[in-house]
N, C-alpha and C. Protein backbone atom coordinates (compact mmCIF):
# COMPACT_ATOMS: atom_id res chain seq x y z
N MET A 1 91.43 110.01 -143.48
CA MET A 1 90.72 108.99 -142.59
C MET A 1 90.02 107.96 -143.32
N LYS A 2 89.88 106.89 -143.17
CA LYS A 2 89.55 106.01 -143.77
C LYS A 2 87.75 105.65 -143.34
N ARG A 3 86.67 105.89 -144.50
CA ARG A 3 85.18 105.94 -144.49
C ARG A 3 85.51 103.72 -145.04
N GLN A 4 84.39 103.81 -144.98
CA GLN A 4 83.74 102.25 -144.67
C GLN A 4 82.54 102.14 -144.96
N LYS A 5 82.00 101.64 -146.24
CA LYS A 5 80.54 101.56 -146.58
C LYS A 5 79.50 101.08 -145.68
N CYS A 6 78.52 101.20 -145.06
CA CYS A 6 77.93 100.39 -144.09
C CYS A 6 77.24 99.19 -145.03
N LYS A 7 77.17 97.36 -144.49
CA LYS A 7 76.74 96.93 -145.05
C LYS A 7 74.96 96.87 -145.23
N LYS A 8 74.79 96.42 -145.91
CA LYS A 8 73.16 96.74 -146.44
C LYS A 8 72.51 95.68 -145.96
N ASN A 9 71.40 96.29 -145.16
CA ASN A 9 70.42 95.20 -144.80
C ASN A 9 69.09 95.27 -145.96
N LYS A 10 68.86 93.94 -146.66
CA LYS A 10 68.17 93.84 -147.37
C LYS A 10 66.64 93.85 -147.12
N THR A 11 66.21 94.43 -145.60
CA THR A 11 64.94 94.19 -145.19
C THR A 11 64.49 96.00 -145.24
N ILE A 12 65.81 96.65 -145.48
CA ILE A 12 65.65 98.12 -145.49
C ILE A 12 65.39 99.18 -146.60
N GLN A 13 64.68 98.79 -147.26
CA GLN A 13 64.76 98.72 -148.80
C GLN A 13 64.50 100.27 -149.23
N ASN A 14 64.07 101.15 -148.00
CA ASN A 14 63.93 102.38 -148.39
C ASN A 14 64.91 102.95 -147.51
N ILE A 15 66.14 102.84 -147.28
CA ILE A 15 67.72 103.22 -146.68
C ILE A 15 68.30 102.63 -147.56
N LEU A 16 68.35 101.75 -148.34
CA LEU A 16 68.91 101.51 -149.74
C LEU A 16 69.37 102.17 -150.48
N ASP A 17 68.25 102.52 -150.80
CA ASP A 17 68.12 104.29 -152.25
C ASP A 17 68.62 104.83 -151.65
N MET A 18 69.40 105.22 -150.40
CA MET A 18 69.90 106.48 -150.02
C MET A 18 71.40 106.38 -150.05
N HIS A 19 72.19 107.58 -149.71
CA HIS A 19 73.80 107.43 -149.70
C HIS A 19 73.97 107.09 -147.56
N THR A 20 74.59 105.86 -147.67
CA THR A 20 74.58 105.37 -146.36
C THR A 20 76.52 105.33 -146.07
N GLU A 21 76.66 105.01 -144.86
CA GLU A 21 78.33 105.52 -144.62
C GLU A 21 78.82 105.42 -143.12
N CYS A 22 79.24 104.35 -143.13
CA CYS A 22 80.05 104.04 -141.51
C CYS A 22 80.85 104.83 -141.11
N LYS A 23 81.38 105.51 -140.16
CA LYS A 23 82.30 106.31 -140.19
C LYS A 23 82.93 106.98 -138.96
N ARG A 24 84.25 107.16 -138.79
CA ARG A 24 84.61 108.12 -137.45
C ARG A 24 84.68 109.36 -137.78
N LEU A 25 84.11 109.98 -136.59
CA LEU A 25 83.90 111.55 -136.74
C LEU A 25 85.02 112.12 -135.60
N GLU A 26 85.69 113.22 -136.21
CA GLU A 26 86.48 114.17 -135.60
C GLU A 26 85.75 114.44 -134.72
N TYR A 27 86.54 114.74 -133.05
CA TYR A 27 85.87 115.77 -132.06
C TYR A 27 85.73 117.03 -132.69
N GLY A 28 84.88 117.59 -132.39
CA GLY A 28 84.65 118.78 -132.56
C GLY A 28 84.15 118.94 -134.03
N SER A 29 84.03 118.17 -134.62
CA SER A 29 83.25 118.85 -136.16
C SER A 29 81.96 118.66 -136.30
N PRO A 30 81.25 119.03 -137.07
CA PRO A 30 79.92 119.91 -137.23
C PRO A 30 79.22 118.38 -137.07
N GLU A 31 79.70 117.44 -137.31
CA GLU A 31 78.83 115.57 -137.02
C GLU A 31 78.94 115.40 -135.90
N GLN A 32 79.88 115.61 -135.18
CA GLN A 32 79.88 115.40 -134.43
C GLN A 32 79.36 116.16 -133.10
N LEU A 33 78.92 116.93 -133.48
CA LEU A 33 78.34 118.07 -132.74
C LEU A 33 77.08 117.54 -133.04
N GLU A 34 76.56 117.36 -134.18
CA GLU A 34 75.03 116.79 -134.31
C GLU A 34 74.74 115.91 -133.84
N SER A 35 75.89 114.58 -133.76
CA SER A 35 75.62 113.35 -132.97
C SER A 35 75.47 114.10 -130.87
N ILE A 36 75.63 114.80 -130.42
CA ILE A 36 75.38 115.08 -129.44
C ILE A 36 73.72 115.55 -129.61
N GLU A 37 73.61 115.88 -130.14
CA GLU A 37 71.80 116.28 -130.31
C GLU A 37 71.16 115.16 -130.18
N LEU A 38 71.60 114.30 -131.28
CA LEU A 38 70.39 112.93 -131.02
C LEU A 38 70.74 111.71 -130.17
N ARG A 39 72.33 112.07 -129.31
CA ARG A 39 72.42 111.40 -128.22
C ARG A 39 71.38 111.95 -127.26
N GLU A 40 70.95 113.15 -126.93
CA GLU A 40 70.64 114.06 -126.16
C GLU A 40 68.70 113.22 -126.35
N GLU A 41 68.39 113.31 -127.33
CA GLU A 41 67.76 113.17 -127.84
C GLU A 41 66.62 111.63 -127.47
N VAL A 42 67.70 110.80 -128.02
CA VAL A 42 67.12 109.83 -127.44
C VAL A 42 67.78 108.82 -126.39
N LEU A 43 68.65 109.25 -125.76
CA LEU A 43 69.86 109.05 -124.43
C LEU A 43 69.00 109.67 -123.14
N ARG A 44 68.70 110.91 -123.52
CA ARG A 44 68.75 111.86 -122.32
C ARG A 44 67.39 112.29 -121.93
N LYS A 45 66.51 112.94 -122.92
CA LYS A 45 65.57 113.74 -122.92
C LYS A 45 64.45 112.26 -122.13
N PRO A 46 64.43 111.04 -122.34
CA PRO A 46 63.57 110.42 -122.13
C PRO A 46 63.49 110.12 -120.64
N ILE A 47 64.49 110.05 -120.27
CA ILE A 47 64.40 109.85 -118.24
C ILE A 47 65.59 111.32 -117.94
N GLY A 48 64.87 112.21 -118.31
CA GLY A 48 64.73 113.57 -117.94
C GLY A 48 66.26 114.03 -116.91
N LEU A 49 66.92 113.60 -118.08
CA LEU A 49 68.58 114.02 -118.00
C LEU A 49 68.79 114.86 -119.16
N ARG A 50 70.25 116.13 -119.13
CA ARG A 50 70.60 116.65 -119.70
C ARG A 50 72.30 116.21 -119.60
N PHE A 51 73.09 116.44 -120.47
CA PHE A 51 74.27 116.23 -120.45
C PHE A 51 74.90 117.64 -120.02
N SER A 52 75.79 117.27 -118.95
CA SER A 52 76.72 118.45 -118.21
C SER A 52 78.02 118.59 -119.38
N LYS A 53 78.33 119.98 -119.10
CA LYS A 53 79.57 120.24 -120.32
C LYS A 53 81.19 119.42 -119.54
N GLU A 54 80.76 118.79 -118.83
CA GLU A 54 81.97 118.03 -117.93
C GLU A 54 81.84 116.29 -118.74
N GLU A 55 80.32 115.99 -118.80
CA GLU A 55 80.00 114.61 -119.81
C GLU A 55 80.56 115.03 -121.33
N LEU A 56 80.72 115.76 -121.43
CA LEU A 56 80.51 116.18 -123.55
C LEU A 56 82.14 116.56 -123.25
N GLU A 57 83.07 116.12 -122.44
CA GLU A 57 84.46 116.18 -122.36
C GLU A 57 85.09 114.89 -122.93
N GLU A 58 84.60 114.39 -124.38
CA GLU A 58 84.47 113.01 -125.11
C GLU A 58 86.05 112.93 -126.07
N ASP A 59 87.16 114.51 -126.14
CA ASP A 59 88.07 114.12 -127.42
C ASP A 59 89.08 112.92 -127.29
N GLU A 60 89.09 111.83 -125.93
CA GLU A 60 89.56 111.20 -126.09
C GLU A 60 89.09 109.80 -126.54
N GLN A 61 87.69 109.69 -127.12
CA GLN A 61 87.52 108.63 -127.59
C GLN A 61 86.93 108.96 -128.96
N PHE A 62 86.63 107.92 -129.14
CA PHE A 62 86.29 107.47 -130.71
C PHE A 62 84.94 107.32 -131.21
N HIS A 63 84.28 108.05 -131.62
CA HIS A 63 82.64 108.57 -132.03
C HIS A 63 82.65 108.06 -133.29
N LEU A 64 82.07 106.92 -133.39
CA LEU A 64 81.28 106.11 -134.60
C LEU A 64 80.09 106.91 -134.99
N ALA A 65 80.02 106.72 -136.37
CA ALA A 65 78.67 107.04 -136.84
C ALA A 65 78.13 106.65 -137.94
N TYR A 66 76.87 106.21 -138.11
CA TYR A 66 75.69 105.86 -139.43
C TYR A 66 75.29 107.22 -139.78
N ILE A 67 75.93 107.60 -141.06
CA ILE A 67 75.26 108.50 -141.44
C ILE A 67 74.50 108.19 -143.18
N MET A 68 73.47 108.89 -143.26
CA MET A 68 72.44 108.78 -144.53
C MET A 68 72.21 109.92 -144.60
N ASP A 69 72.56 110.72 -146.08
CA ASP A 69 72.74 111.37 -147.00
C ASP A 69 73.24 112.45 -146.40
N GLY A 70 73.91 112.63 -145.91
CA GLY A 70 74.60 113.55 -144.67
C GLY A 70 74.43 114.06 -143.31
N LYS A 71 73.54 112.98 -143.16
CA LYS A 71 72.97 113.21 -141.33
C LYS A 71 73.43 112.12 -140.67
N VAL A 72 73.48 112.32 -139.51
CA VAL A 72 74.09 111.37 -138.43
C VAL A 72 72.70 110.86 -138.05
N VAL A 73 72.26 109.91 -138.04
CA VAL A 73 71.55 108.88 -137.89
C VAL A 73 71.50 107.80 -136.61
N GLY A 74 72.66 107.74 -136.35
CA GLY A 74 73.20 106.58 -135.76
C GLY A 74 74.43 106.78 -134.65
N ILE A 75 74.93 106.88 -133.90
CA ILE A 75 75.65 107.26 -133.05
C ILE A 75 76.54 106.36 -131.88
N LEU A 76 77.78 106.35 -131.79
CA LEU A 76 78.28 105.29 -130.35
C LEU A 76 79.57 105.52 -129.84
N LEU A 77 79.80 105.56 -129.34
CA LEU A 77 81.28 106.18 -128.60
C LEU A 77 82.01 104.61 -128.40
N LEU A 78 83.37 104.94 -128.18
CA LEU A 78 84.00 103.79 -127.92
C LEU A 78 84.90 104.76 -126.87
N LYS A 79 85.44 103.53 -125.62
CA LYS A 79 86.39 104.56 -125.18
C LYS A 79 87.11 103.71 -124.02
N PRO A 80 88.49 103.77 -124.66
CA PRO A 80 89.40 103.00 -123.81
C PRO A 80 89.50 102.56 -123.08
N VAL A 81 89.56 101.61 -122.19
CA VAL A 81 89.93 101.85 -120.97
C VAL A 81 90.89 100.50 -119.89
N ALA A 82 91.54 99.93 -121.17
CA ALA A 82 92.57 99.02 -120.79
C ALA A 82 93.70 98.82 -122.27
N GLU A 83 94.75 97.89 -122.19
CA GLU A 83 95.32 97.58 -123.01
C GLU A 83 94.23 96.74 -124.20
N GLY A 84 94.08 96.76 -124.84
CA GLY A 84 93.66 95.96 -125.94
C GLY A 84 91.79 95.63 -125.45
N VAL A 85 91.19 96.60 -124.58
CA VAL A 85 89.61 96.82 -123.94
C VAL A 85 89.33 98.15 -124.43
N LEU A 86 87.87 98.15 -124.95
CA LEU A 86 87.25 99.04 -125.28
C LEU A 86 85.93 99.12 -124.79
N LYS A 87 85.30 100.42 -124.18
CA LYS A 87 84.13 100.42 -124.16
C LYS A 87 83.27 101.16 -124.56
N MET A 88 82.18 100.41 -125.10
CA MET A 88 81.44 101.13 -125.96
C MET A 88 79.88 101.64 -125.19
N ARG A 89 79.82 102.91 -125.86
CA ARG A 89 79.04 103.81 -124.59
C ARG A 89 78.30 104.76 -125.56
N GLN A 90 77.22 105.50 -125.08
CA GLN A 90 76.35 106.32 -125.96
C GLN A 90 75.56 105.93 -127.38
N VAL A 91 75.43 104.29 -127.60
CA VAL A 91 74.57 104.14 -128.36
C VAL A 91 73.47 104.91 -128.61
N ALA A 92 73.34 105.22 -130.07
CA ALA A 92 71.63 105.92 -130.26
C ALA A 92 71.20 106.16 -131.61
N VAL A 93 70.41 105.51 -131.87
CA VAL A 93 69.56 106.20 -133.41
C VAL A 93 68.55 106.55 -133.60
N ARG A 94 68.45 107.16 -134.39
CA ARG A 94 67.31 108.47 -134.48
C ARG A 94 65.78 107.34 -134.20
N PRO A 95 64.88 107.44 -133.68
CA PRO A 95 63.33 107.22 -133.30
C PRO A 95 62.94 106.41 -134.31
N ASP A 96 62.36 107.24 -135.36
CA ASP A 96 61.91 106.88 -136.44
C ASP A 96 62.80 105.99 -137.42
N LEU A 97 63.81 106.01 -136.89
CA LEU A 97 64.71 105.06 -137.72
C LEU A 97 65.20 103.64 -136.97
N GLN A 98 64.54 103.42 -135.69
CA GLN A 98 64.92 102.16 -134.83
C GLN A 98 63.93 101.14 -135.42
N GLY A 99 65.06 99.73 -135.58
CA GLY A 99 64.40 98.61 -135.70
C GLY A 99 64.50 98.32 -137.33
N GLN A 100 65.47 99.14 -137.92
CA GLN A 100 65.86 98.76 -139.01
C GLN A 100 67.18 98.46 -139.66
N GLY A 101 68.11 97.95 -138.67
CA GLY A 101 69.25 97.58 -138.62
C GLY A 101 70.46 98.64 -138.58
N ILE A 102 70.08 99.81 -138.60
CA ILE A 102 70.71 100.75 -138.47
C ILE A 102 72.06 100.39 -137.42
N GLY A 103 71.32 99.69 -136.19
CA GLY A 103 71.70 100.28 -135.10
C GLY A 103 72.82 98.69 -134.86
N LYS A 104 72.43 97.30 -135.31
CA LYS A 104 73.35 96.20 -135.75
C LYS A 104 74.30 97.03 -136.67
N GLN A 105 74.10 97.69 -137.29
CA GLN A 105 75.35 97.52 -138.52
C GLN A 105 76.48 98.23 -138.14
N LEU A 106 75.94 99.53 -137.18
CA LEU A 106 76.73 100.41 -136.61
C LEU A 106 77.67 99.70 -135.30
N VAL A 107 76.86 98.60 -134.73
CA VAL A 107 77.91 98.22 -133.88
C VAL A 107 79.00 96.79 -134.66
N ARG A 108 78.87 96.20 -135.83
CA ARG A 108 79.64 95.46 -136.47
C ARG A 108 80.48 96.38 -137.14
N PHE A 109 80.21 98.08 -137.45
CA PHE A 109 81.43 98.32 -138.10
C PHE A 109 82.39 98.93 -136.69
N SER A 110 81.66 99.20 -135.53
CA SER A 110 83.07 99.30 -134.42
C SER A 110 83.30 98.12 -133.99
N GLU A 111 83.15 96.83 -134.13
CA GLU A 111 83.69 95.51 -133.78
C GLU A 111 85.11 95.51 -134.78
N LYS A 112 84.61 95.68 -135.87
CA LYS A 112 85.75 95.79 -136.79
C LYS A 112 86.77 96.31 -136.81
N TRP A 113 86.14 97.87 -136.73
CA TRP A 113 87.01 99.37 -136.13
C TRP A 113 88.36 98.53 -134.92
N ALA A 114 87.66 98.28 -134.11
CA ALA A 114 88.28 97.69 -132.80
C ALA A 114 89.64 97.13 -133.30
N ILE A 115 88.75 95.93 -133.59
CA ILE A 115 89.91 94.66 -134.26
C ILE A 115 91.10 95.26 -135.14
N ASP A 116 90.32 96.34 -135.95
CA ASP A 116 91.54 96.92 -137.17
C ASP A 116 92.49 97.78 -136.19
N HIS A 117 92.19 98.34 -134.82
CA HIS A 117 92.53 99.11 -134.21
C HIS A 117 93.77 98.11 -132.82
N GLN A 118 93.51 97.52 -132.68
CA GLN A 118 94.27 96.44 -132.47
C GLN A 118 93.53 96.03 -130.56
N TYR A 119 92.63 96.25 -130.80
CA TYR A 119 91.87 96.22 -130.05
C TYR A 119 91.06 94.70 -129.71
N HIS A 120 90.31 94.03 -128.73
CA HIS A 120 90.22 92.63 -128.69
C HIS A 120 88.79 92.28 -127.62
N ILE A 121 88.68 93.06 -126.95
CA ILE A 121 87.57 92.87 -125.68
C ILE A 121 86.65 94.16 -126.19
N MET A 122 84.95 94.05 -125.96
CA MET A 122 84.46 95.18 -126.01
C MET A 122 83.79 95.02 -125.22
N GLU A 123 83.59 96.07 -123.86
CA GLU A 123 82.63 95.80 -123.03
C GLU A 123 81.70 97.24 -122.83
N LEU A 124 80.63 97.29 -122.60
CA LEU A 124 79.43 97.77 -122.49
C LEU A 124 78.48 97.88 -121.05
N HIS A 125 77.89 98.93 -120.99
CA HIS A 125 76.63 98.40 -119.80
C HIS A 125 75.52 98.98 -120.71
N ALA A 126 74.71 97.87 -120.62
CA ALA A 126 73.60 97.61 -121.29
C ALA A 126 72.23 97.80 -120.49
N ARG A 127 71.47 98.83 -121.49
CA ARG A 127 70.22 99.37 -120.50
C ARG A 127 69.79 98.11 -120.42
N LYS A 128 68.39 97.66 -119.43
CA LYS A 128 67.97 96.40 -119.54
C LYS A 128 67.14 96.07 -120.96
N THR A 129 66.60 97.29 -121.07
CA THR A 129 65.61 97.18 -122.70
C THR A 129 66.18 96.63 -123.57
N ALA A 130 67.89 97.16 -123.88
CA ALA A 130 68.86 96.65 -124.98
C ALA A 130 69.63 95.61 -125.09
N VAL A 131 69.38 94.98 -124.00
CA VAL A 131 70.86 93.28 -123.66
C VAL A 131 69.86 92.38 -124.67
N GLU A 132 68.44 92.08 -125.23
CA GLU A 132 68.35 91.30 -125.73
C GLU A 132 69.15 91.93 -126.78
N PHE A 133 69.56 92.90 -127.87
CA PHE A 133 69.78 93.38 -128.69
C PHE A 133 71.27 93.18 -129.05
N TYR A 134 72.23 93.09 -127.92
CA TYR A 134 73.41 93.18 -128.00
C TYR A 134 73.62 91.38 -127.40
N LEU A 135 72.90 90.23 -126.64
CA LEU A 135 73.21 89.15 -126.91
C LEU A 135 72.81 88.63 -128.32
N SER A 136 71.83 89.11 -129.11
CA SER A 136 71.71 88.51 -130.90
C SER A 136 73.15 88.93 -131.15
N MET A 137 73.92 89.68 -130.61
CA MET A 137 75.26 90.06 -131.68
C MET A 137 76.19 89.63 -130.81
N GLY A 138 75.85 88.92 -129.92
CA GLY A 138 77.16 88.20 -129.24
C GLY A 138 78.07 88.04 -127.95
N TYR A 139 76.77 89.18 -127.41
CA TYR A 139 77.70 89.88 -126.36
C TYR A 139 77.08 89.21 -125.32
N GLU A 140 78.24 88.77 -123.82
CA GLU A 140 77.72 88.26 -123.35
C GLU A 140 76.86 88.63 -122.05
N THR A 141 76.61 88.80 -120.70
CA THR A 141 76.70 89.33 -119.73
C THR A 141 77.28 88.79 -118.44
N ARG A 142 77.33 90.20 -117.49
CA ARG A 142 78.18 89.60 -116.52
C ARG A 142 78.12 90.65 -115.38
N GLY A 143 77.80 89.78 -113.86
CA GLY A 143 77.55 90.51 -112.86
C GLY A 143 76.17 90.77 -112.89
N PRO A 144 75.53 91.70 -111.73
CA PRO A 144 74.18 91.56 -111.63
C PRO A 144 73.94 92.93 -111.88
N GLU A 145 72.68 93.33 -111.77
CA GLU A 145 71.96 94.32 -112.46
C GLU A 145 72.25 95.47 -111.47
N PHE A 146 72.41 96.57 -112.26
CA PHE A 146 72.41 97.59 -111.26
C PHE A 146 71.93 98.97 -111.69
N LEU A 147 72.17 99.95 -111.59
CA LEU A 147 71.71 101.34 -111.97
C LEU A 147 72.44 101.99 -112.52
N GLU A 148 71.99 102.79 -113.66
CA GLU A 148 72.99 103.90 -113.79
C GLU A 148 72.22 104.86 -114.74
N VAL A 149 72.35 105.80 -114.89
CA VAL A 149 71.59 107.03 -114.92
C VAL A 149 70.25 106.87 -114.38
N THR A 150 69.71 106.33 -113.45
CA THR A 150 68.43 106.40 -113.29
C THR A 150 67.66 104.89 -113.50
N ILE A 151 68.42 104.10 -114.26
CA ILE A 151 67.82 102.80 -115.11
C ILE A 151 68.76 101.68 -114.95
N PRO A 152 67.74 100.85 -114.77
CA PRO A 152 68.58 99.35 -114.71
C PRO A 152 68.90 98.96 -116.02
N HIS A 153 70.80 98.32 -115.80
CA HIS A 153 71.78 98.09 -116.70
C HIS A 153 72.09 96.64 -116.07
N LEU A 154 72.52 96.71 -117.28
CA LEU A 154 73.77 94.87 -116.79
C LEU A 154 75.06 95.20 -117.79
N GLU A 155 76.42 94.77 -116.88
CA GLU A 155 77.46 95.20 -118.25
C GLU A 155 77.59 93.54 -118.98
N MET A 156 77.88 94.20 -119.91
CA MET A 156 78.56 93.35 -120.73
C MET A 156 79.57 92.79 -121.57
N PHE A 157 79.76 91.43 -122.58
CA PHE A 157 81.14 92.18 -123.14
C PHE A 157 81.24 91.10 -124.26
N LYS A 158 82.27 91.07 -125.38
CA LYS A 158 82.25 89.91 -126.41
C LYS A 158 84.02 90.41 -126.30
N ASN A 159 84.40 88.80 -126.67
CA ASN A 159 85.78 88.91 -127.07
C ASN A 159 85.67 88.65 -128.68
N LEU A 160 86.38 89.91 -129.22
CA LEU A 160 86.72 90.27 -130.59
C LEU A 160 87.32 89.38 -131.16
N LYS A 161 88.36 88.49 -130.42
CA LYS A 161 89.15 87.51 -131.47
C LYS A 161 88.35 86.55 -132.07
């Protein structure tokens, strides 16, 4: 499995002093199971939901993580939806580390990973509160606002070529 150092952001000196890396997690590995707890804490508990067993059957998706000192502090999943197209989903960063550039580094890593694996379009359903984040990374919106897991979302995409 190929590992890649996460790019370092100069504005987060405390993180620079720690060992960090972005990598793909093997489905069923201890790190992948740890990432479920992070996703549950960040994405589900705040809206009163829990993952069902069926929702966690994600063995055909790619699990990419930001690891800091051996702990999963950021996660996103990539789901193939068509030839050359991935859907980014379940993006989460540990609450006490949000706003420090980890999400951007993880999204950039996922885009490079996608290109390296012959994907050229990234799609996602962004919570309305995250739309500005994705716009700042070159994503575009398409279609009207809709409800997903009880909260407003917008469909977004980016051509990776």
